[in-house]
Amino acid sequence: MPRPCGIGRPRKKPDSLTGDKAYSSRANRALLRRRQIRTTIPEPRDQQANRKRRGRSGGRPLTFDADHYKRRNQVERGLQPA
């Protein structure tokens, strides 16, 4: 996407983001949702338990694509310094 004034680097945003459980905070997910970036971040067990404990008001379970998450590990191993 070109910049309006033509100066600087073009602005880009990723289509999706894959992260580990450490990035599963409500603030991170809200920011990514606001920017319309799909996420593949597993939900930690404590967050699952809190959501289930709240019942209906706990909200819907998060979507999670396990196959997409497995590929994350392959990318990380490929980027390790030699």
PDB file of N, CA and C in Angstrom:
ATOM      1  N   MET A   1       0.856  -1.163   0.000  1.00  0.00           N
ATOM      2  CA  MET A   1       0.000   0.000   0.000  1.00  0.00           C
ATOM      3  C   MET A   1       0.905   1.230   0.000  1.00  0.00           C
ATOM      4  N   PRO A   2       0.803   2.084  -1.006  1.00  0.00           N
ATOM      5  CA  PRO A   2       1.653   3.268  -1.063  1.00  0.00           C
ATOM      6  C   PRO A   2       1.281   4.286   0.007  1.00  0.00           C
ATOM      7  N   ARG A   3       2.282   5.036   0.439  1.00  0.00           N
ATOM      8  CA  ARG A   3       2.053   6.090   1.430  1.00  0.00           C
ATOM      9  C   ARG A   3       1.370   7.269   0.741  1.00  0.00           C
ATOM     10  N   PRO A   4       0.507   7.991   1.450  1.00  0.00           N
ATOM     11  CA  PRO A   4      -0.228   9.103   0.836  1.00  0.00           C
ATOM     12  C   PRO A   4       0.680  10.209   0.293  1.00  0.00           C
ATOM     13  N   CYS A   5       1.734  10.509   1.028  1.00  0.00           N
ATOM     14  CA  CYS A   5       2.580  11.614   0.582  1.00  0.00           C
ATOM     15  C   CYS A   5       3.745  11.127  -0.277  1.00  0.00           C
ATOM     16  N   GLY A   6       3.930   9.805  -0.427  1.00  0.00           N
ATOM     17  CA  GLY A   6       4.975   9.273  -1.281  1.00  0.00           C
ATOM     18  C   GLY A   6       6.342   9.194  -0.635  1.00  0.00           C
ATOM     19  N   ILE A   7       6.468   9.553   0.650  1.00  0.00           N
ATOM     20  CA  ILE A   7       7.765   9.538   1.320  1.00  0.00           C
ATOM     21  C   ILE A   7       7.774   8.382   2.317  1.00  0.00           C
ATOM     22  N   GLY A   8       8.862   7.645   2.374  1.00  0.00           N
ATOM     23  CA  GLY A   8       8.984   6.562   3.336  1.00  0.00           C
ATOM     24  C   GLY A   8       8.632   5.214   2.740  1.00  0.00           C
ATOM     25  N   ARG A   9       8.716   4.194   3.583  1.00  0.00           N
ATOM     26  CA  ARG A   9       8.443   2.850   3.088  1.00  0.00           C
ATOM     27  C   ARG A   9       6.934   2.612   3.018  1.00  0.00           C
ATOM     28  N   PRO A  10       6.491   1.749   2.117  1.00  0.00           N
ATOM     29  CA  PRO A  10       5.063   1.457   2.035  1.00  0.00           C
ATOM     30  C   PRO A  10       4.576   0.730   3.286  1.00  0.00           C
ATOM     31  N   ARG A  11       3.362   0.970   3.692  1.00  0.00           N
ATOM     32  CA  ARG A  11       2.793   0.318   4.862  1.00  0.00           C
ATOM     33  C   ARG A  11       2.226  -1.040   4.458  1.00  0.00           C
ATOM     34  N   LYS A  12       2.529  -2.031   5.287  1.00  0.00           N
ATOM     35  CA  LYS A  12       2.037  -3.380   5.016  1.00  0.00           C
ATOM     36  C   LYS A  12       1.549  -3.990   6.311  1.00  0.00           C
ATOM     37  N   LYS A  13       0.617  -4.921   6.222  1.00  0.00           N
ATOM     38  CA  LYS A  13       0.182  -5.668   7.391  1.00  0.00           C
ATOM     39  C   LYS A  13       0.068  -7.133   6.995  1.00  0.00           C
ATOM     40  N   PRO A  14       0.377  -8.029   7.904  1.00  0.00           N
ATOM     41  CA  PRO A  14       0.304  -9.446   7.575  1.00  0.00           C
ATOM     42  C   PRO A  14      -1.137  -9.933   7.493  1.00  0.00           C
ATOM     43  N   ASP A  15      -1.351 -10.995   6.723  1.00  0.00           N
ATOM     44  CA  ASP A  15      -2.676 -11.608   6.649  1.00  0.00           C
ATOM     45  C   ASP A  15      -2.984 -12.379   7.924  1.00  0.00           C
ATOM     46  N   SER A  16      -1.958 -13.058   8.467  1.00  0.00           N
ATOM     47  CA  SER A  16      -2.164 -13.851   9.670  1.00  0.00           C
ATOM     48  C   SER A  16      -0.905 -13.828  10.523  1.00  0.00           C
ATOM     49  N   LEU A  17      -1.082 -14.200  11.784  1.00  0.00           N
ATOM     50  CA  LEU A  17       0.029 -14.227  12.730  1.00  0.00           C
ATOM     51  C   LEU A  17      -0.069 -15.520  13.538  1.00  0.00           C
ATOM     52  N   THR A  18       1.065 -16.197  13.692  1.00  0.00           N
ATOM     53  CA  THR A  18       1.117 -17.414  14.487  1.00  0.00           C
ATOM     54  C   THR A  18       2.066 -17.171  15.648  1.00  0.00           C
ATOM     55  N   GLY A  19       1.600 -17.440  16.854  1.00  0.00           N
ATOM     56  CA  GLY A  19       2.421 -17.217  18.039  1.00  0.00           C
ATOM     57  C   GLY A  19       2.219 -18.318  19.052  1.00  0.00           C
ATOM     58  N   ASP A  20       3.046 -18.318  20.081  1.00  0.00           N
ATOM     59  CA  ASP A  20       2.878 -19.327  21.117  1.00  0.00           C
ATOM     60  C   ASP A  20       1.969 -18.798  22.224  1.00  0.00           C
ATOM     61  N   LYS A  21       1.782 -19.598  23.262  1.00  0.00           N
ATOM     62  CA  LYS A  21       0.814 -19.276  24.310  1.00  0.00           C
ATOM     63  C   LYS A  21       1.130 -17.983  25.046  1.00  0.00           C
ATOM     64  N   ALA A  22       2.385 -17.555  25.025  1.00  0.00           N
ATOM     65  CA  ALA A  22       2.764 -16.339  25.736  1.00  0.00           C
ATOM     66  C   ALA A  22       2.109 -15.092  25.134  1.00  0.00           C
ATOM     67  N   TYR A  23       1.686 -15.161  23.866  1.00  0.00           N
ATOM     68  CA  TYR A  23       1.104 -14.001  23.192  1.00  0.00           C
ATOM     69  C   TYR A  23      -0.419 -14.060  23.173  1.00  0.00           C
ATOM     70  N   SER A  24      -1.011 -14.847  24.055  1.00  0.00           N
ATOM     71  CA  SER A  24      -2.451 -15.056  24.046  1.00  0.00           C
ATOM     72  C   SER A  24      -3.214 -14.068  24.921  1.00  0.00           C
ATOM     73  N   SER A  25      -2.628 -12.961  25.282  1.00  0.00           N
ATOM     74  CA  SER A  25      -3.316 -12.025  26.173  1.00  0.00           C
ATOM     75  C   SER A  25      -4.497 -11.361  25.463  1.00  0.00           C
ATOM     76  N   ARG A  26      -5.424 -10.878  26.259  1.00  0.00           N
ATOM     77  CA  ARG A  26      -6.610 -10.219  25.718  1.00  0.00           C
ATOM     78  C   ARG A  26      -6.222  -8.975  24.926  1.00  0.00           C
ATOM     79  N   ALA A  27      -5.228  -8.242  25.415  1.00  0.00           N
ATOM     80  CA  ALA A  27      -4.807  -7.011  24.732  1.00  0.00           C
ATOM     81  C   ALA A  27      -4.208  -7.325  23.354  1.00  0.00           C
ATOM     82  N   ASN A  28      -3.362  -8.350  23.283  1.00  0.00           N
ATOM     83  CA  ASN A  28      -2.772  -8.730  21.989  1.00  0.00           C
ATOM     84  C   ASN A  28      -3.839  -9.157  21.002  1.00  0.00           C
ATOM     85  N   ARG A  29      -4.756  -9.989  21.473  1.00  0.00           N
ATOM     86  CA  ARG A  29      -5.816 -10.464  20.579  1.00  0.00           C
ATOM     87  C   ARG A  29      -6.720  -9.321  20.121  1.00  0.00           C
ATOM     88  N   ALA A  30      -7.008  -8.382  21.007  1.00  0.00           N
ATOM     89  CA  ALA A  30      -7.861  -7.243  20.644  1.00  0.00           C
ATOM     90  C   ALA A  30      -7.183  -6.370  19.587  1.00  0.00           C
ATOM     91  N   LEU A  31      -5.891  -6.136  19.753  1.00  0.00           N
ATOM     92  CA  LEU A  31      -5.159  -5.320  18.776  1.00  0.00           C
ATOM     93  C   LEU A  31      -5.157  -5.987  17.407  1.00  0.00           C
ATOM     94  N   LEU A  32      -4.894  -7.283  17.376  1.00  0.00           N
ATOM     95  CA  LEU A  32      -4.877  -8.000  16.102  1.00  0.00           C
ATOM     96  C   LEU A  32      -6.265  -8.050  15.476  1.00  0.00           C
ATOM     97  N   ARG A  33      -7.295  -8.215  16.293  1.00  0.00           N
ATOM     98  CA  ARG A  33      -8.665  -8.227  15.785  1.00  0.00           C
ATOM     99  C   ARG A  33      -9.024  -6.872  15.191  1.00  0.00           C
ATOM    100  N   ARG A  34      -8.605  -5.801  15.880  1.00  0.00           N
ATOM    101  CA  ARG A  34      -8.877  -4.443  15.385  1.00  0.00           C
ATOM    102  C   ARG A  34      -8.219  -4.207  14.033  1.00  0.00           C
ATOM    103  N   ARG A  35      -7.029  -4.770  13.845  1.00  0.00           N
ATOM    104  CA  ARG A  35      -6.320  -4.602  12.571  1.00  0.00           C
ATOM    105  C   ARG A  35      -6.693  -5.657  11.543  1.00  0.00           C
ATOM    106  N   GLN A  36      -7.664  -6.516  11.883  1.00  0.00           N
ATOM    107  CA  GLN A  36      -8.185  -7.564  11.010  1.00  0.00           C
ATOM    108  C   GLN A  36      -7.089  -8.535  10.570  1.00  0.00           C
ATOM    109  N   ILE A  37      -6.285  -8.965  11.550  1.00  0.00           N
ATOM    110  CA  ILE A  37      -5.230  -9.947  11.305  1.00  0.00           C
ATOM    111  C   ILE A  37      -5.657 -11.250  11.962  1.00  0.00           C
ATOM    112  N   ARG A  38      -5.743 -12.316  11.175  1.00  0.00           N
ATOM    113  CA  ARG A  38      -6.130 -13.612  11.721  1.00  0.00           C
ATOM    114  C   ARG A  38      -5.000 -14.161  12.579  1.00  0.00           C
ATOM    115  N   THR A  39      -5.354 -14.879  13.638  1.00  0.00           N
ATOM    116  CA  THR A  39      -4.334 -15.391  14.543  1.00  0.00           C
ATOM    117  C   THR A  39      -4.442 -16.898  14.695  1.00  0.00           C
ATOM    118  N   THR A  40      -3.295 -17.513  14.949  1.00  0.00           N
ATOM    119  CA  THR A  40      -3.225 -18.909  15.340  1.00  0.00           C
ATOM    120  C   THR A  40      -2.370 -18.934  16.595  1.00  0.00           C
ATOM    121  N   ILE A  41      -3.030 -18.737  17.726  1.00  0.00           N
ATOM    122  CA  ILE A  41      -2.359 -18.701  19.022  1.00  0.00           C
ATOM    123  C   ILE A  41      -3.133 -19.641  19.945  1.00  0.00           C
ATOM    124  N   PRO A  42      -2.468 -20.666  20.504  1.00  0.00           N
ATOM    125  CA  PRO A  42      -3.196 -21.558  21.413  1.00  0.00           C
ATOM    126  C   PRO A  42      -3.594 -20.830  22.691  1.00  0.00           C
ATOM    127  N   GLU A  43      -4.695 -21.257  23.260  1.00  0.00           N
ATOM    128  CA  GLU A  43      -5.188 -20.649  24.491  1.00  0.00           C
ATOM    129  C   GLU A  43      -4.625 -21.425  25.687  1.00  0.00           C
ATOM    130  N   PRO A  44      -3.937 -20.762  26.617  1.00  0.00           N
ATOM    131  CA  PRO A  44      -3.406 -21.458  27.786  1.00  0.00           C
ATOM    132  C   PRO A  44      -4.519 -22.086  28.624  1.00  0.00           C
ATOM    133  N   ARG A  45      -4.169 -23.125  29.373  1.00  0.00           N
ATOM    134  CA  ARG A  45      -5.170 -23.854  30.151  1.00  0.00           C
ATOM    135  C   ARG A  45      -5.843 -22.972  31.198  1.00  0.00           C
ATOM    136  N   ASP A  46      -5.085 -22.049  31.796  1.00  0.00           N
ATOM    137  CA  ASP A  46      -5.717 -21.204  32.814  1.00  0.00           C
ATOM    138  C   ASP A  46      -6.767 -20.283  32.190  1.00  0.00           C
ATOM    139  N   GLN A  47      -6.500 -19.788  30.980  1.00  0.00           N
ATOM    140  CA  GLN A  47      -7.488 -18.948  30.307  1.00  0.00           C
ATOM    141  C   GLN A  47      -8.709 -19.772  29.895  1.00  0.00           C
ATOM    142  N   GLN A  48      -8.478 -21.010  29.457  1.00  0.00           N
ATOM    143  CA  GLN A  48      -9.601 -21.890  29.113  1.00  0.00           C
ATOM    144  C   GLN A  48     -10.470 -22.134  30.342  1.00  0.00           C
ATOM    145  N   ALA A  49      -9.821 -22.432  31.474  1.00  0.00           N
ATOM    146  CA  ALA A  49     -10.562 -22.707  32.701  1.00  0.00           C
ATOM    147  C   ALA A  49     -11.358 -21.484  33.147  1.00  0.00           C
ATOM    148  N   ASN A  50     -10.759 -20.300  33.065  1.00  0.00           N
ATOM    149  CA  ASN A  50     -11.461 -19.075  33.460  1.00  0.00           C
ATOM    150  C   ASN A  50     -12.673 -18.823  32.564  1.00  0.00           C
ATOM    151  N   ARG A  51     -12.489 -19.067  31.263  1.00  0.00           N
ATOM    152  CA  ARG A  51     -13.595 -18.859  30.325  1.00  0.00           C
ATOM    153  C   ARG A  51     -14.729 -19.841  30.621  1.00  0.00           C
ATOM    154  N   LYS A  52     -14.380 -21.100  30.848  1.00  0.00           N
ATOM    155  CA  LYS A  52     -15.401 -22.115  31.125  1.00  0.00           C
ATOM    156  C   LYS A  52     -16.084 -21.872  32.471  1.00  0.00           C
ATOM    157  N   ARG A  53     -15.320 -21.396  33.444  1.00  0.00           N
ATOM    158  CA  ARG A  53     -15.874 -21.118  34.766  1.00  0.00           C
ATOM    159  C   ARG A  53     -16.939 -20.035  34.692  1.00  0.00           C
ATOM    160  N   ARG A  54     -16.758 -19.079  33.803  1.00  0.00           N
ATOM    161  CA  ARG A  54     -17.717 -17.980  33.681  1.00  0.00           C
ATOM    162  C   ARG A  54     -18.983 -18.392  32.936  1.00  0.00           C
ATOM    163  N   GLY A  55     -18.957 -19.575  32.337  1.00  0.00           N
ATOM    164  CA  GLY A  55     -20.154 -20.070  31.647  1.00  0.00           C
ATOM    165  C   GLY A  55     -20.448 -19.289  30.388  1.00  0.00           C
ATOM    166  N   ARG A  56     -21.705 -18.927  30.213  1.00  0.00           N
ATOM    167  CA  ARG A  56     -22.116 -18.214  29.003  1.00  0.00           C
ATOM    168  C   ARG A  56     -21.433 -16.868  28.849  1.00  0.00           C
ATOM    169  N   SER A  57     -21.204 -16.190  29.952  1.00  0.00           N
ATOM    170  CA  SER A  57     -20.584 -14.863  29.873  1.00  0.00           C
ATOM    171  C   SER A  57     -19.085 -14.954  29.601  1.00  0.00           C
ATOM    172  N   GLY A  58     -18.531 -16.157  29.591  1.00  0.00           N
ATOM    173  CA  GLY A  58     -17.109 -16.335  29.304  1.00  0.00           C
ATOM    174  C   GLY A  58     -16.776 -16.205  27.837  1.00  0.00           C
ATOM    175  N   GLY A  59     -17.778 -16.263  26.992  1.00  0.00           N
ATOM    176  CA  GLY A  59     -17.559 -16.088  25.567  1.00  0.00           C
ATOM    177  C   GLY A  59     -17.365 -17.403  24.841  1.00  0.00           C
ATOM    178  N   ARG A  60     -17.163 -17.278  23.579  1.00  0.00           N
ATOM    179  CA  ARG A  60     -17.004 -18.399  22.687  1.00  0.00           C
ATOM    180  C   ARG A  60     -15.564 -18.901  22.716  1.00  0.00           C
ATOM    181  N   PRO A  61     -15.325 -20.202  22.554  1.00  0.00           N
ATOM    182  CA  PRO A  61     -13.943 -20.677  22.479  1.00  0.00           C
ATOM    183  C   PRO A  61     -13.229 -20.074  21.266  1.00  0.00           C
ATOM    184  N   LEU A  62     -11.946 -19.847  21.399  1.00  0.00           N
ATOM    185  CA  LEU A  62     -11.173 -19.259  20.318  1.00  0.00           C
ATOM    186  C   LEU A  62     -10.963 -20.266  19.203  1.00  0.00           C
ATOM    187  N   THR A  63     -10.902 -19.777  17.970  1.00  0.00           N
ATOM    188  CA  THR A  63     -10.604 -20.678  16.854  1.00  0.00           C
ATOM    189  C   THR A  63      -9.115 -20.979  16.865  1.00  0.00           C
ATOM    190  N   PHE A  64      -8.776 -22.196  16.514  1.00  0.00           N
ATOM    191  CA  PHE A  64      -7.377 -22.605  16.535  1.00  0.00           C
ATOM    192  C   PHE A  64      -7.159 -23.661  15.464  1.00  0.00           C
ATOM    193  N   ASP A  65      -6.231 -23.404  14.537  1.00  0.00           N
ATOM    194  CA  ASP A  65      -5.913 -24.337  13.468  1.00  0.00           C
ATOM    195  C   ASP A  65      -4.627 -25.074  13.850  1.00  0.00           C
ATOM    196  N   ALA A  66      -4.762 -26.316  14.309  1.00  0.00           N
ATOM    197  CA  ALA A  66      -3.609 -27.080  14.790  1.00  0.00           C
ATOM    198  C   ALA A  66      -2.593 -27.349  13.678  1.00  0.00           C
ATOM    199  N   ASP A  67      -3.054 -27.615  12.449  1.00  0.00           N
ATOM    200  CA  ASP A  67      -2.126 -27.874  11.346  1.00  0.00           C
ATOM    201  C   ASP A  67      -1.279 -26.645  11.039  1.00  0.00           C
ATOM    202  N   HIS A  68      -1.907 -25.490  11.048  1.00  0.00           N
ATOM    203  CA  HIS A  68      -1.175 -24.247  10.791  1.00  0.00           C
ATOM    204  C   HIS A  68      -0.147 -23.994  11.896  1.00  0.00           C
ATOM    205  N   TYR A  69      -0.520 -24.301  13.127  1.00  0.00           N
ATOM    206  CA  TYR A  69       0.384 -24.100  14.262  1.00  0.00           C
ATOM    207  C   TYR A  69       1.584 -25.050  14.199  1.00  0.00           C
ATOM    208  N   LYS A  70       1.390 -26.264  13.710  1.00  0.00           N
ATOM    209  CA  LYS A  70       2.495 -27.220  13.584  1.00  0.00           C
ATOM    210  C   LYS A  70       3.552 -26.718  12.613  1.00  0.00           C
ATOM    211  N   ARG A  71       3.131 -26.018  11.577  1.00  0.00           N
ATOM    212  CA  ARG A  71       4.089 -25.478  10.604  1.00  0.00           C
ATOM    213  C   ARG A  71       4.953 -24.381  11.211  1.00  0.00           C
ATOM    214  N   ARG A  72       4.470 -23.742  12.260  1.00  0.00           N
ATOM    215  CA  ARG A  72       5.242 -22.697  12.942  1.00  0.00           C
ATOM    216  C   ARG A  72       6.558 -23.260  13.450  1.00  0.00           C
ATOM    217  N   ASN A  73       6.517 -24.462  14.014  1.00  0.00           N
ATOM    218  CA  ASN A  73       7.715 -25.095  14.542  1.00  0.00           C
ATOM    219  C   ASN A  73       8.737 -25.346  13.429  1.00  0.00           C
ATOM    220  N   GLN A  74       8.292 -25.760  12.268  1.00  0.00           N
ATOM    221  CA  GLN A  74       9.199 -26.004  11.152  1.00  0.00           C
ATOM    222  C   GLN A  74       9.895 -24.712  10.736  1.00  0.00           C
ATOM    223  N   VAL A  75       9.173 -23.626  10.723  1.00  0.00           N
ATOM    224  CA  VAL A  75       9.768 -22.340  10.341  1.00  0.00           C
ATOM    225  C   VAL A  75      10.805 -21.912  11.366  1.00  0.00           C
ATOM    226  N   GLU A  76      10.477 -22.072  12.653  1.00  0.00           N
ATOM    227  CA  GLU A  76      11.416 -21.673  13.704  1.00  0.00           C
ATOM    228  C   GLU A  76      12.704 -22.486  13.640  1.00  0.00           C
ATOM    229  N   ARG A  77      12.608 -23.783  13.375  1.00  0.00           N
ATOM    230  CA  ARG A  77      13.807 -24.610  13.289  1.00  0.00           C
ATOM    231  C   ARG A  77      14.628 -24.244  12.074  1.00  0.00           C
ATOM    232  N   GLY A  78      13.979 -23.814  11.005  1.00  0.00           N
ATOM    233  CA  GLY A  78      14.703 -23.423   9.797  1.00  0.00           C
ATOM    234  C   GLY A  78      15.428 -22.094   9.957  1.00  0.00           C
ATOM    235  N   LEU A  79      15.025 -21.272  10.902  1.00  0.00           N
ATOM    236  CA  LEU A  79      15.631 -19.951  11.083  1.00  0.00           C
ATOM    237  C   LEU A  79      16.703 -19.921  12.165  1.00  0.00           C
ATOM    238  N   GLN A  80      17.007 -21.061  12.783  1.00  0.00           N
ATOM    239  CA  GLN A  80      18.033 -21.091  13.840  1.00  0.00           C
ATOM    240  C   GLN A  80      19.410 -20.768  13.245  1.00  0.00           C
ATOM    241  N   PRO A  81      20.217 -19.960  13.955  1.00  0.00           N
ATOM    242  CA  PRO A  81      21.561 -19.678  13.451  1.00  0.00           C
ATOM    243  C   PRO A  81      22.425 -20.930  13.487  1.00  0.00           C
ATOM    244  N   ALA A  82      23.303 -21.036  12.541  1.00  0.00           N
ATOM    245  CA  ALA A  82      24.150 -22.238  12.428  1.00  0.00           C
ATOM    246  C   ALA A  82      25.306 -22.234  13.399  1.00  0.00           C
TER     247      ALA A  82
END
